[in-house]
Amino acid sequence: MPSPSPAGPARRLALFALAVCVLAVAAAVMSFVRGSWLGIVWILLAGLSSNMGWYYLRRSRMAQAQAQQR
C-alpha cells in the first residue's frame, strides 16, 4: 500500500480554508443585507481564511514538487 503524499494534508487544509472563505463572504452579504455592521467581522474572517487557503495550496504544491524531485 503506497504511503499518502506529503501534499495531502496541506491540500485538504487549503480546501477547508477556501470553503470557510466562501461561507464568510456569504455571511457578510447576509449581514449587510439585514443592515448589520457585523458583516465587517465576516469580511475580515474571509480575508484571513483566503490567505490561509493560498498559503496551504502553495505549501502543497511545493511539497509535491519536492517529492517528485526525489
PDB file of N, CA and C in Angstrom:
ATOM      1  N   MET A   1       0.851  -1.182   0.000  1.00  0.00           N
ATOM      2  CA  MET A   1       0.000   0.000   0.000  1.00  0.00           C
ATOM      3  C   MET A   1       0.889   1.235   0.000  1.00  0.00           C
ATOM      4  N   PRO A   2       0.720   2.131  -0.969  1.00  0.00           N
ATOM      5  CA  PRO A   2       1.571   3.314  -1.036  1.00  0.00           C
ATOM      6  C   PRO A   2       1.250   4.288   0.091  1.00  0.00           C
ATOM      7  N   SER A   3       2.282   4.961   0.557  1.00  0.00           N
ATOM      8  CA  SER A   3       2.076   5.956   1.608  1.00  0.00           C
ATOM      9  C   SER A   3       1.438   7.203   1.005  1.00  0.00           C
ATOM     10  N   PRO A   4       0.637   7.912   1.793  1.00  0.00           N
ATOM     11  CA  PRO A   4      -0.004   9.125   1.262  1.00  0.00           C
ATOM     12  C   PRO A   4       1.045  10.185   0.956  1.00  0.00           C
ATOM     13  N   SER A   5       0.774  10.966  -0.058  1.00  0.00           N
ATOM     14  CA  SER A   5       1.726  12.005  -0.445  1.00  0.00           C
ATOM     15  C   SER A   5       1.777  13.084   0.637  1.00  0.00           C
ATOM     16  N   PRO A   6       2.932  13.740   0.792  1.00  0.00           N
ATOM     17  CA  PRO A   6       3.043  14.785   1.800  1.00  0.00           C
ATOM     18  C   PRO A   6       2.168  15.992   1.486  1.00  0.00           C
ATOM     19  N   ALA A   7       1.704  16.102   0.257  1.00  0.00           N
ATOM     20  CA  ALA A   7       0.878  17.249  -0.125  1.00  0.00           C
ATOM     21  C   ALA A   7      -0.575  17.064   0.289  1.00  0.00           C
ATOM     22  N   GLY A   8      -0.968  15.870   0.705  1.00  0.00           N
ATOM     23  CA  GLY A   8      -2.361  15.591   1.034  1.00  0.00           C
ATOM     24  C   GLY A   8      -2.942  16.449   2.138  1.00  0.00           C
ATOM     25  N   PRO A   9      -2.322  16.471   3.332  1.00  0.00           N
ATOM     26  CA  PRO A   9      -2.898  17.280   4.418  1.00  0.00           C
ATOM     27  C   PRO A   9      -2.931  18.772   4.109  1.00  0.00           C
ATOM     28  N   ALA A  10      -1.912  19.284   3.447  1.00  0.00           N
ATOM     29  CA  ALA A  10      -1.880  20.712   3.129  1.00  0.00           C
ATOM     30  C   ALA A  10      -2.973  21.055   2.117  1.00  0.00           C
ATOM     31  N   ARG A  11      -3.187  20.173   1.150  1.00  0.00           N
ATOM     32  CA  ARG A  11      -4.233  20.429   0.151  1.00  0.00           C
ATOM     33  C   ARG A  11      -5.614  20.404   0.805  1.00  0.00           C
ATOM     34  N   ARG A  12      -5.807  19.477   1.734  1.00  0.00           N
ATOM     35  CA  ARG A  12      -7.086  19.388   2.441  1.00  0.00           C
ATOM     36  C   ARG A  12      -7.326  20.646   3.280  1.00  0.00           C
ATOM     37  N   LEU A  13      -6.282  21.124   3.956  1.00  0.00           N
ATOM     38  CA  LEU A  13      -6.416  22.356   4.736  1.00  0.00           C
ATOM     39  C   LEU A  13      -6.720  23.551   3.832  1.00  0.00           C
ATOM     40  N   ALA A  14      -6.127  23.573   2.653  1.00  0.00           N
ATOM     41  CA  ALA A  14      -6.401  24.663   1.710  1.00  0.00           C
ATOM     42  C   ALA A  14      -7.859  24.651   1.285  1.00  0.00           C
ATOM     43  N   LEU A  15      -8.398  23.467   1.011  1.00  0.00           N
ATOM     44  CA  LEU A  15      -9.810  23.387   0.612  1.00  0.00           C
ATOM     45  C   LEU A  15     -10.738  23.799   1.747  1.00  0.00           C
ATOM     46  N   PHE A  16     -10.412  23.388   2.971  1.00  0.00           N
ATOM     47  CA  PHE A  16     -11.232  23.792   4.114  1.00  0.00           C
ATOM     48  C   PHE A  16     -11.180  25.304   4.313  1.00  0.00           C
ATOM     49  N   ALA A  17     -10.001  25.891   4.187  1.00  0.00           N
ATOM     50  CA  ALA A  17      -9.865  27.340   4.371  1.00  0.00           C
ATOM     51  C   ALA A  17     -10.626  28.106   3.289  1.00  0.00           C
ATOM     52  N   LEU A  18     -10.576  27.620   2.064  1.00  0.00           N
ATOM     53  CA  LEU A  18     -11.315  28.302   0.999  1.00  0.00           C
ATOM     54  C   LEU A  18     -12.822  28.127   1.154  1.00  0.00           C
ATOM     55  N   ALA A  19     -13.246  26.989   1.714  1.00  0.00           N
ATOM     56  CA  ALA A  19     -14.673  26.802   1.993  1.00  0.00           C
ATOM     57  C   ALA A  19     -15.133  27.770   3.081  1.00  0.00           C
ATOM     58  N   VAL A  20     -14.302  27.965   4.099  1.00  0.00           N
ATOM     59  CA  VAL A  20     -14.625  28.933   5.152  1.00  0.00           C
ATOM     60  C   VAL A  20     -14.687  30.338   4.563  1.00  0.00           C
ATOM     61  N   CYS A  21     -13.813  30.636   3.629  1.00  0.00           N
ATOM     62  CA  CYS A  21     -13.813  31.947   2.979  1.00  0.00           C
ATOM     63  C   CYS A  21     -15.125  32.196   2.247  1.00  0.00           C
ATOM     64  N   VAL A  22     -15.581  31.211   1.499  1.00  0.00           N
ATOM     65  CA  VAL A  22     -16.841  31.355   0.758  1.00  0.00           C
ATOM     66  C   VAL A  22     -18.011  31.533   1.726  1.00  0.00           C
ATOM     67  N   LEU A  23     -18.025  30.750   2.789  1.00  0.00           N
ATOM     68  CA  LEU A  23     -19.113  30.874   3.771  1.00  0.00           C
ATOM     69  C   LEU A  23     -19.068  32.212   4.498  1.00  0.00           C
ATOM     70  N   ALA A  24     -17.873  32.711   4.779  1.00  0.00           N
ATOM     71  CA  ALA A  24     -17.754  34.007   5.448  1.00  0.00           C
ATOM     72  C   ALA A  24     -18.236  35.138   4.544  1.00  0.00           C
ATOM     73  N   VAL A  25     -17.955  35.040   3.262  1.00  0.00           N
ATOM     74  CA  VAL A  25     -18.441  36.064   2.319  1.00  0.00           C
ATOM     75  C   VAL A  25     -19.969  36.027   2.254  1.00  0.00           C
ATOM     76  N   ALA A  26     -20.537  34.828   2.230  1.00  0.00           N
ATOM     77  CA  ALA A  26     -21.998  34.713   2.218  1.00  0.00           C
ATOM     78  C   ALA A  26     -22.603  35.290   3.499  1.00  0.00           C
ATOM     79  N   ALA A  27     -21.962  35.028   4.628  1.00  0.00           N
ATOM     80  CA  ALA A  27     -22.458  35.573   5.894  1.00  0.00           C
ATOM     81  C   ALA A  27     -22.337  37.091   5.921  1.00  0.00           C
ATOM     82  N   ALA A  28     -21.270  37.619   5.338  1.00  0.00           N
ATOM     83  CA  ALA A  28     -21.103  39.071   5.285  1.00  0.00           C
ATOM     84  C   ALA A  28     -22.183  39.714   4.432  1.00  0.00           C
ATOM     85  N   VAL A  29     -22.474  39.112   3.299  1.00  0.00           N
ATOM     86  CA  VAL A  29     -23.531  39.641   2.439  1.00  0.00           C
ATOM     87  C   VAL A  29     -24.860  39.638   3.179  1.00  0.00           C
ATOM     88  N   MET A  30     -25.168  38.535   3.841  1.00  0.00           N
ATOM     89  CA  MET A  30     -26.431  38.450   4.589  1.00  0.00           C
ATOM     90  C   MET A  30     -26.486  39.485   5.715  1.00  0.00           C
ATOM     91  N   SER A  31     -25.355  39.704   6.387  1.00  0.00           N
ATOM     92  CA  SER A  31     -25.326  40.701   7.462  1.00  0.00           C
ATOM     93  C   SER A  31     -25.584  42.098   6.918  1.00  0.00           C
ATOM     94  N   PHE A  32     -24.941  42.426   5.810  1.00  0.00           N
ATOM     95  CA  PHE A  32     -25.134  43.753   5.243  1.00  0.00           C
ATOM     96  C   PHE A  32     -26.541  43.932   4.681  1.00  0.00           C
ATOM     97  N   VAL A  33     -27.107  42.875   4.127  1.00  0.00           N
ATOM     98  CA  VAL A  33     -28.481  42.959   3.612  1.00  0.00           C
ATOM     99  C   VAL A  33     -29.453  43.232   4.750  1.00  0.00           C
ATOM    100  N   ARG A  34     -29.202  42.616   5.886  1.00  0.00           N
ATOM    101  CA  ARG A  34     -30.074  42.821   7.057  1.00  0.00           C
ATOM    102  C   ARG A  34     -29.792  44.130   7.781  1.00  0.00           C
ATOM    103  N   GLY A  35     -28.776  44.865   7.339  1.00  0.00           N
ATOM    104  CA  GLY A  35     -28.476  46.158   7.942  1.00  0.00           C
ATOM    105  C   GLY A  35     -27.559  46.089   9.146  1.00  0.00           C
ATOM    106  N   SER A  36     -26.876  44.982   9.338  1.00  0.00           N
ATOM    107  CA  SER A  36     -25.985  44.824  10.480  1.00  0.00           C
ATOM    108  C   SER A  36     -24.545  45.128  10.069  1.00  0.00           C
ATOM    109  N   TRP A  37     -23.848  45.821  10.936  1.00  0.00           N
ATOM    110  CA  TRP A  37     -22.447  46.124  10.683  1.00  0.00           C
ATOM    111  C   TRP A  37     -21.536  44.976  11.101  1.00  0.00           C
ATOM    112  N   LEU A  38     -22.109  43.895  11.583  1.00  0.00           N
ATOM    113  CA  LEU A  38     -21.331  42.715  11.945  1.00  0.00           C
ATOM    114  C   LEU A  38     -20.676  42.080  10.716  1.00  0.00           C
ATOM    115  N   GLY A  39     -21.137  42.457   9.545  1.00  0.00           N
ATOM    116  CA  GLY A  39     -20.563  41.958   8.301  1.00  0.00           C
ATOM    117  C   GLY A  39     -19.086  42.292   8.156  1.00  0.00           C
ATOM    118  N   ILE A  40     -18.650  43.355   8.821  1.00  0.00           N
ATOM    119  CA  ILE A  40     -17.235  43.734   8.766  1.00  0.00           C
ATOM    120  C   ILE A  40     -16.375  42.624   9.360  1.00  0.00           C
ATOM    121  N   VAL A  41     -16.847  42.012  10.440  1.00  0.00           N
ATOM    122  CA  VAL A  41     -16.109  40.901  11.057  1.00  0.00           C
ATOM    123  C   VAL A  41     -16.043  39.720  10.093  1.00  0.00           C
ATOM    124  N   TRP A  42     -17.135  39.460   9.383  1.00  0.00           N
ATOM    125  CA  TRP A  42     -17.148  38.364   8.411  1.00  0.00           C
ATOM    126  C   TRP A  42     -16.190  38.630   7.261  1.00  0.00           C
ATOM    127  N   ILE A  43     -16.091  39.889   6.839  1.00  0.00           N
ATOM    128  CA  ILE A  43     -15.157  40.250   5.773  1.00  0.00           C
ATOM    129  C   ILE A  43     -13.720  40.010   6.226  1.00  0.00           C
ATOM    130  N   LEU A  44     -13.423  40.373   7.472  1.00  0.00           N
ATOM    131  CA  LEU A  44     -12.079  40.129   7.993  1.00  0.00           C
ATOM    132  C   LEU A  44     -11.774  38.638   8.072  1.00  0.00           C
ATOM    133  N   LEU A  45     -12.752  37.857   8.477  1.00  0.00           N
ATOM    134  CA  LEU A  45     -12.579  36.399   8.534  1.00  0.00           C
ATOM    135  C   LEU A  45     -12.386  35.825   7.133  1.00  0.00           C
ATOM    136  N   ALA A  46     -13.099  36.359   6.163  1.00  0.00           N
ATOM    137  CA  ALA A  46     -12.939  35.898   4.775  1.00  0.00           C
ATOM    138  C   ALA A  46     -11.529  36.195   4.272  1.00  0.00           C
ATOM    139  N   GLY A  47     -11.008  37.359   4.590  1.00  0.00           N
ATOM    140  CA  GLY A  47      -9.644  37.698   4.185  1.00  0.00           C
ATOM    141  C   GLY A  47      -8.610  36.796   4.821  1.00  0.00           C
ATOM    142  N   LEU A  48      -8.774  36.517   6.094  1.00  0.00           N
ATOM    143  CA  LEU A  48      -7.844  35.641   6.796  1.00  0.00           C
ATOM    144  C   LEU A  48      -7.883  34.225   6.231  1.00  0.00           C
ATOM    145  N   SER A  49      -9.076  33.698   6.036  1.00  0.00           N
ATOM    146  CA  SER A  49      -9.181  32.327   5.526  1.00  0.00           C
ATOM    147  C   SER A  49      -8.714  32.234   4.074  1.00  0.00           C
ATOM    148  N   SER A  50      -8.901  33.294   3.304  1.00  0.00           N
ATOM    149  CA  SER A  50      -8.399  33.308   1.931  1.00  0.00           C
ATOM    150  C   SER A  50      -6.874  33.225   1.925  1.00  0.00           C
ATOM    151  N   ASN A  51      -6.241  33.997   2.773  1.00  0.00           N
ATOM    152  CA  ASN A  51      -4.779  33.952   2.860  1.00  0.00           C
ATOM    153  C   ASN A  51      -4.302  32.580   3.320  1.00  0.00           C
ATOM    154  N   MET A  52      -5.001  31.990   4.268  1.00  0.00           N
ATOM    155  CA  MET A  52      -4.627  30.648   4.728  1.00  0.00           C
ATOM    156  C   MET A  52      -4.784  29.632   3.597  1.00  0.00           C
ATOM    157  N   GLY A  53      -5.842  29.761   2.819  1.00  0.00           N
ATOM    158  CA  GLY A  53      -6.058  28.850   1.706  1.00  0.00           C
ATOM    159  C   GLY A  53      -4.942  28.925   0.684  1.00  0.00           C
ATOM    160  N   TRP A  54      -4.554  30.151   0.317  1.00  0.00           N
ATOM    161  CA  TRP A  54      -3.469  30.302  -0.650  1.00  0.00           C
ATOM    162  C   TRP A  54      -2.163  29.784  -0.086  1.00  0.00           C
ATOM    163  N   TYR A  55      -1.910  30.015   1.207  1.00  0.00           N
ATOM    164  CA  TYR A  55      -0.671  29.540   1.840  1.00  0.00           C
ATOM    165  C   TYR A  55      -0.594  28.019   1.787  1.00  0.00           C
ATOM    166  N   TYR A  56      -1.659  27.348   2.185  1.00  0.00           N
ATOM    167  CA  TYR A  56      -1.637  25.886   2.204  1.00  0.00           C
ATOM    168  C   TYR A  56      -1.625  25.299   0.796  1.00  0.00           C
ATOM    169  N   LEU A  57      -2.245  25.961  -0.158  1.00  0.00           N
ATOM    170  CA  LEU A  57      -2.184  25.495  -1.539  1.00  0.00           C
ATOM    171  C   LEU A  57      -0.758  25.594  -2.069  1.00  0.00           C
ATOM    172  N   ARG A  58      -0.109  26.697  -1.784  1.00  0.00           N
ATOM    173  CA  ARG A  58       1.286  26.877  -2.210  1.00  0.00           C
ATOM    174  C   ARG A  58       2.196  25.863  -1.520  1.00  0.00           C
ATOM    175  N   ARG A  59       1.947  25.641  -0.246  1.00  0.00           N
ATOM    176  CA  ARG A  59       2.737  24.664   0.513  1.00  0.00           C
ATOM    177  C   ARG A  59       2.553  23.258  -0.061  1.00  0.00           C
ATOM    178  N   SER A  60       1.334  22.940  -0.456  1.00  0.00           N
ATOM    179  CA  SER A  60       1.034  21.645  -1.057  1.00  0.00           C
ATOM    180  C   SER A  60       1.780  21.474  -2.377  1.00  0.00           C
ATOM    181  N   ARG A  61       1.762  22.499  -3.204  1.00  0.00           N
ATOM    182  CA  ARG A  61       2.455  22.429  -4.492  1.00  0.00           C
ATOM    183  C   ARG A  61       3.964  22.285  -4.315  1.00  0.00           C
ATOM    184  N   MET A  62       4.513  23.005  -3.341  1.00  0.00           N
ATOM    185  CA  MET A  62       5.949  22.906  -3.091  1.00  0.00           C
ATOM    186  C   MET A  62       6.325  21.519  -2.589  1.00  0.00           C
ATOM    187  N   ALA A  63       5.524  20.934  -1.719  1.00  0.00           N
ATOM    188  CA  ALA A  63       5.801  19.593  -1.211  1.00  0.00           C
ATOM    189  C   ALA A  63       5.685  18.554  -2.318  1.00  0.00           C
ATOM    190  N   GLN A  64       4.720  18.756  -3.210  1.00  0.00           N
ATOM    191  CA  GLN A  64       4.541  17.832  -4.324  1.00  0.00           C
ATOM    192  C   GLN A  64       5.725  17.918  -5.286  1.00  0.00           C
ATOM    193  N   ALA A  65       6.194  19.117  -5.561  1.00  0.00           N
ATOM    194  CA  ALA A  65       7.354  19.301  -6.451  1.00  0.00           C
ATOM    195  C   ALA A  65       8.604  18.707  -5.813  1.00  0.00           C
ATOM    196  N   GLN A  66       8.742  18.875  -4.532  1.00  0.00           N
ATOM    197  CA  GLN A  66       9.910  18.329  -3.832  1.00  0.00           C
ATOM    198  C   GLN A  66       9.874  16.793  -3.822  1.00  0.00           C
ATOM    199  N   ALA A  67       8.687  16.209  -3.692  1.00  0.00           N
ATOM    200  CA  ALA A  67       8.563  14.756  -3.695  1.00  0.00           C
ATOM    201  C   ALA A  67       8.874  14.194  -5.075  1.00  0.00           C
ATOM    202  N   GLN A  68       8.565  14.918  -6.144  1.00  0.00           N
ATOM    203  CA  GLN A  68       8.855  14.458  -7.493  1.00  0.00           C
ATOM    204  C   GLN A  68      10.344  14.527  -7.808  1.00  0.00           C
ATOM    205  N   GLN A  69      11.059  15.417  -7.158  1.00  0.00           N
ATOM    206  CA  GLN A  69      12.486  15.545  -7.405  1.00  0.00           C
ATOM    207  C   GLN A  69      13.281  14.383  -6.794  1.00  0.00           C
ATOM    208  N   ARG A  70      12.711  13.734  -5.814  1.00  0.00           N
ATOM    209  CA  ARG A  70      13.426  12.641  -5.138  1.00  0.00           C
ATOM    210  C   ARG A  70      13.456  11.413  -5.944  1.00  0.00           C
TER     211      ARG A  70
END
